[in-house]
């Protein structure tokens, strides 16, 4: 690298957007990938595909039902 030049690395990771119908758009450095969220990844109570995982707790965005809690002791 030459003196005075600037190199910026943008490693922000992937971004996923999911609409209520189950269409998922994943934005990466390589482009956009579209797919459908499988039923096994949807909420067990209302079948909404929009799920959030925060601190090991998987929760539905729509009905706020807790679907999975990861206690961290799975070997």
N, C-alpha and C. Protein backbone atom coordinates (compact mmCIF):
# COMPACT_ATOMS: atom_id res chain seq x y z
N UNK A 1 0.83 -1.17 0.00
CA UNK A 1 0.00 0.00 0.00
C UNK A 1 0.88 1.25 0.00
N UNK A 2 0.52 2.20 -0.81
CA UNK A 2 1.31 3.42 -0.92
C UNK A 2 1.05 4.33 0.28
N UNK A 3 2.02 5.15 0.56
CA UNK A 3 1.91 6.10 1.65
C UNK A 3 0.76 7.07 1.38
N UNK A 4 -0.13 7.22 2.35
CA UNK A 4 -1.25 8.14 2.20
C UNK A 4 -2.50 7.50 1.60
N UNK A 5 -2.41 6.21 1.20
CA UNK A 5 -3.61 5.58 0.64
C UNK A 5 -4.48 5.03 1.76
N UNK A 6 -5.72 4.82 1.47
CA UNK A 6 -6.67 4.36 2.47
C UNK A 6 -7.36 3.11 1.96
N UNK A 7 -7.38 2.08 2.80
CA UNK A 7 -8.07 0.85 2.44
C UNK A 7 -9.21 0.65 3.43
N UNK A 8 -10.42 0.51 2.91
CA UNK A 8 -11.59 0.30 3.75
C UNK A 8 -12.15 -1.09 3.49
N UNK A 9 -12.30 -1.86 4.53
CA UNK A 9 -12.93 -3.17 4.42
C UNK A 9 -14.32 -3.07 5.03
N UNK A 10 -15.29 -3.47 4.25
CA UNK A 10 -16.67 -3.42 4.71
C UNK A 10 -17.18 -4.84 4.91
N UNK A 11 -16.97 -5.40 6.09
CA UNK A 11 -17.42 -6.75 6.40
C UNK A 11 -18.62 -6.66 7.33
N UNK A 12 -19.75 -6.27 6.79
CA UNK A 12 -20.92 -6.07 7.63
C UNK A 12 -21.74 -7.34 7.81
N UNK A 13 -21.52 -8.35 7.00
CA UNK A 13 -22.30 -9.58 7.12
C UNK A 13 -23.52 -9.55 6.21
N UNK A 14 -24.32 -10.60 6.33
CA UNK A 14 -25.50 -10.74 5.49
C UNK A 14 -26.71 -10.12 6.17
N UNK A 15 -27.67 -9.72 5.35
CA UNK A 15 -28.92 -9.16 5.84
C UNK A 15 -30.05 -9.98 5.26
N UNK A 16 -31.00 -10.38 6.10
CA UNK A 16 -32.16 -11.11 5.64
C UNK A 16 -33.41 -10.30 5.89
N UNK A 17 -34.30 -10.30 4.91
CA UNK A 17 -35.61 -9.68 5.06
C UNK A 17 -36.65 -10.75 4.73
N UNK A 18 -37.64 -10.91 5.61
CA UNK A 18 -38.68 -11.91 5.41
C UNK A 18 -40.03 -11.21 5.48
N UNK A 19 -40.87 -11.44 4.47
CA UNK A 19 -42.21 -10.86 4.52
C UNK A 19 -43.19 -11.88 5.11
N UNK A 20 -44.39 -11.46 5.50
CA UNK A 20 -45.33 -12.37 6.16
C UNK A 20 -45.75 -13.57 5.32
N UNK A 21 -45.59 -13.50 4.00
CA UNK A 21 -45.97 -14.63 3.15
C UNK A 21 -44.92 -15.73 3.14
N UNK A 22 -43.71 -15.46 3.65
CA UNK A 22 -42.65 -16.45 3.72
C UNK A 22 -41.55 -16.28 2.70
N UNK A 23 -41.58 -15.23 1.90
CA UNK A 23 -40.51 -14.97 0.94
C UNK A 23 -39.34 -14.33 1.67
N UNK A 24 -38.15 -14.93 1.52
CA UNK A 24 -36.95 -14.45 2.20
C UNK A 24 -35.96 -13.94 1.16
N UNK A 25 -35.46 -12.72 1.37
CA UNK A 25 -34.42 -12.14 0.53
C UNK A 25 -33.17 -11.99 1.38
N UNK A 26 -32.08 -12.62 0.95
CA UNK A 26 -30.81 -12.55 1.66
C UNK A 26 -29.85 -11.70 0.83
N UNK A 27 -29.39 -10.60 1.41
CA UNK A 27 -28.48 -9.68 0.75
C UNK A 27 -27.06 -9.99 1.21
N UNK A 28 -26.17 -10.33 0.28
CA UNK A 28 -24.78 -10.63 0.58
C UNK A 28 -23.87 -9.79 -0.30
N UNK A 29 -22.58 -9.98 -0.15
CA UNK A 29 -21.62 -9.29 -1.01
C UNK A 29 -21.72 -9.77 -2.46
N UNK A 30 -22.22 -10.98 -2.65
CA UNK A 30 -22.33 -11.57 -3.99
C UNK A 30 -23.65 -11.23 -4.69
N UNK A 31 -24.60 -10.63 -3.97
CA UNK A 31 -25.88 -10.26 -4.58
C UNK A 31 -27.04 -10.62 -3.67
N UNK A 32 -28.21 -10.79 -4.27
CA UNK A 32 -29.44 -11.08 -3.54
C UNK A 32 -29.89 -12.49 -3.88
N UNK A 33 -30.22 -13.27 -2.84
CA UNK A 33 -30.75 -14.62 -3.03
C UNK A 33 -32.17 -14.67 -2.49
N UNK A 34 -33.11 -15.15 -3.30
CA UNK A 34 -34.50 -15.27 -2.90
C UNK A 34 -34.85 -16.73 -2.67
N UNK A 35 -35.57 -17.02 -1.60
CA UNK A 35 -36.07 -18.36 -1.34
C UNK A 35 -37.30 -18.27 -0.45
N UNK A 36 -37.92 -19.41 -0.17
CA UNK A 36 -39.10 -19.47 0.66
C UNK A 36 -38.73 -20.11 1.99
N UNK A 37 -39.20 -19.54 3.09
CA UNK A 37 -38.92 -20.07 4.42
C UNK A 37 -39.69 -21.38 4.58
N UNK A 38 -39.00 -22.49 4.91
CA UNK A 38 -39.70 -23.76 5.11
C UNK A 38 -40.59 -23.72 6.35
N UNK A 39 -41.63 -24.54 6.34
CA UNK A 39 -42.59 -24.56 7.43
C UNK A 39 -41.93 -24.94 8.76
N UNK A 40 -40.86 -25.72 8.71
CA UNK A 40 -40.16 -26.13 9.94
C UNK A 40 -39.48 -24.96 10.64
N UNK A 41 -39.25 -23.85 9.94
CA UNK A 41 -38.64 -22.66 10.53
C UNK A 41 -39.66 -21.60 10.94
N UNK A 42 -40.95 -21.88 10.74
CA UNK A 42 -42.01 -20.93 11.07
C UNK A 42 -42.46 -21.12 12.52
N UNK A 43 -43.24 -20.18 13.01
CA UNK A 43 -43.77 -20.23 14.36
C UNK A 43 -44.68 -21.45 14.54
N UNK A 44 -44.56 -22.10 15.67
CA UNK A 44 -45.36 -23.29 15.95
C UNK A 44 -46.82 -22.94 16.24
N UNK A 45 -47.10 -21.72 16.66
CA UNK A 45 -48.45 -21.32 17.01
C UNK A 45 -49.21 -20.68 15.84
N UNK A 46 -48.58 -19.75 15.13
CA UNK A 46 -49.31 -19.01 14.09
C UNK A 46 -48.76 -19.20 12.68
N UNK A 47 -47.69 -19.99 12.51
CA UNK A 47 -47.06 -20.28 11.21
C UNK A 47 -46.46 -19.05 10.54
N UNK A 48 -46.19 -18.01 11.28
CA UNK A 48 -45.55 -16.82 10.72
C UNK A 48 -44.07 -17.12 10.52
N UNK A 49 -43.49 -16.80 9.37
CA UNK A 49 -42.09 -17.11 9.11
C UNK A 49 -41.10 -16.13 9.74
N UNK A 50 -41.58 -15.05 10.31
CA UNK A 50 -40.69 -14.02 10.86
C UNK A 50 -40.35 -14.36 12.30
N UNK A 51 -39.16 -14.92 12.51
CA UNK A 51 -38.69 -15.32 13.83
C UNK A 51 -37.43 -14.54 14.18
N UNK A 52 -37.26 -14.24 15.46
CA UNK A 52 -36.06 -13.55 15.95
C UNK A 52 -35.42 -14.41 17.02
N UNK A 53 -34.09 -14.49 17.00
CA UNK A 53 -33.35 -15.19 18.03
C UNK A 53 -32.48 -14.18 18.76
N UNK A 54 -32.77 -13.98 20.04
CA UNK A 54 -32.01 -13.04 20.87
C UNK A 54 -31.58 -13.78 22.12
N UNK A 55 -30.27 -13.85 22.33
CA UNK A 55 -29.68 -14.51 23.50
C UNK A 55 -30.17 -15.95 23.66
N UNK A 56 -30.29 -16.67 22.55
CA UNK A 56 -30.68 -18.07 22.59
C UNK A 56 -32.17 -18.33 22.69
N UNK A 57 -32.99 -17.28 22.71
CA UNK A 57 -34.45 -17.43 22.77
C UNK A 57 -35.02 -17.10 21.40
N UNK A 58 -35.68 -18.09 20.79
CA UNK A 58 -36.29 -17.90 19.48
C UNK A 58 -37.75 -17.53 19.66
N UNK A 59 -38.11 -16.33 19.18
CA UNK A 59 -39.42 -15.76 19.45
C UNK A 59 -40.07 -15.30 18.14
N UNK A 60 -41.39 -15.45 18.07
CA UNK A 60 -42.15 -15.03 16.89
C UNK A 60 -42.34 -13.51 16.92
N UNK A 61 -42.21 -12.88 15.78
CA UNK A 61 -42.40 -11.44 15.68
C UNK A 61 -43.89 -11.10 15.73
N UNK A 62 -44.73 -11.96 15.19
CA UNK A 62 -46.16 -11.68 15.08
C UNK A 62 -46.89 -11.90 16.40
N UNK A 63 -46.83 -13.12 16.96
CA UNK A 63 -47.61 -13.42 18.17
C UNK A 63 -46.76 -13.42 19.44
N UNK A 64 -45.45 -13.23 19.32
CA UNK A 64 -44.49 -13.15 20.42
C UNK A 64 -44.40 -14.44 21.23
N UNK A 65 -44.78 -15.56 20.63
CA UNK A 65 -44.67 -16.87 21.28
C UNK A 65 -43.21 -17.32 21.28
N UNK A 66 -42.74 -17.87 22.40
CA UNK A 66 -41.39 -18.41 22.48
C UNK A 66 -41.41 -19.81 21.87
N UNK A 67 -40.59 -20.05 20.84
CA UNK A 67 -40.58 -21.31 20.14
C UNK A 67 -39.41 -22.21 20.53
N UNK A 68 -38.31 -21.62 21.00
CA UNK A 68 -37.14 -22.42 21.36
C UNK A 68 -36.25 -21.61 22.30
N UNK A 69 -35.73 -22.28 23.29
CA UNK A 69 -34.75 -21.67 24.19
C UNK A 69 -33.51 -22.54 24.17
N UNK A 70 -32.37 -21.94 23.81
CA UNK A 70 -31.11 -22.67 23.76
C UNK A 70 -30.39 -22.45 25.10
N UNK A 71 -30.29 -23.54 25.88
CA UNK A 71 -29.63 -23.45 27.18
C UNK A 71 -28.12 -23.60 27.07
N UNK A 72 -27.62 -23.93 25.89
CA UNK A 72 -26.18 -23.99 25.66
C UNK A 72 -25.49 -25.23 26.18
N UNK A 73 -26.20 -26.26 26.55
CA UNK A 73 -25.55 -27.47 27.05
C UNK A 73 -25.77 -28.65 26.11
N UNK A 74 -26.07 -28.39 24.85
CA UNK A 74 -26.19 -29.46 23.86
C UNK A 74 -24.79 -29.86 23.41
N UNK A 75 -24.46 -31.12 23.61
CA UNK A 75 -23.10 -31.58 23.27
C UNK A 75 -23.02 -32.18 21.91
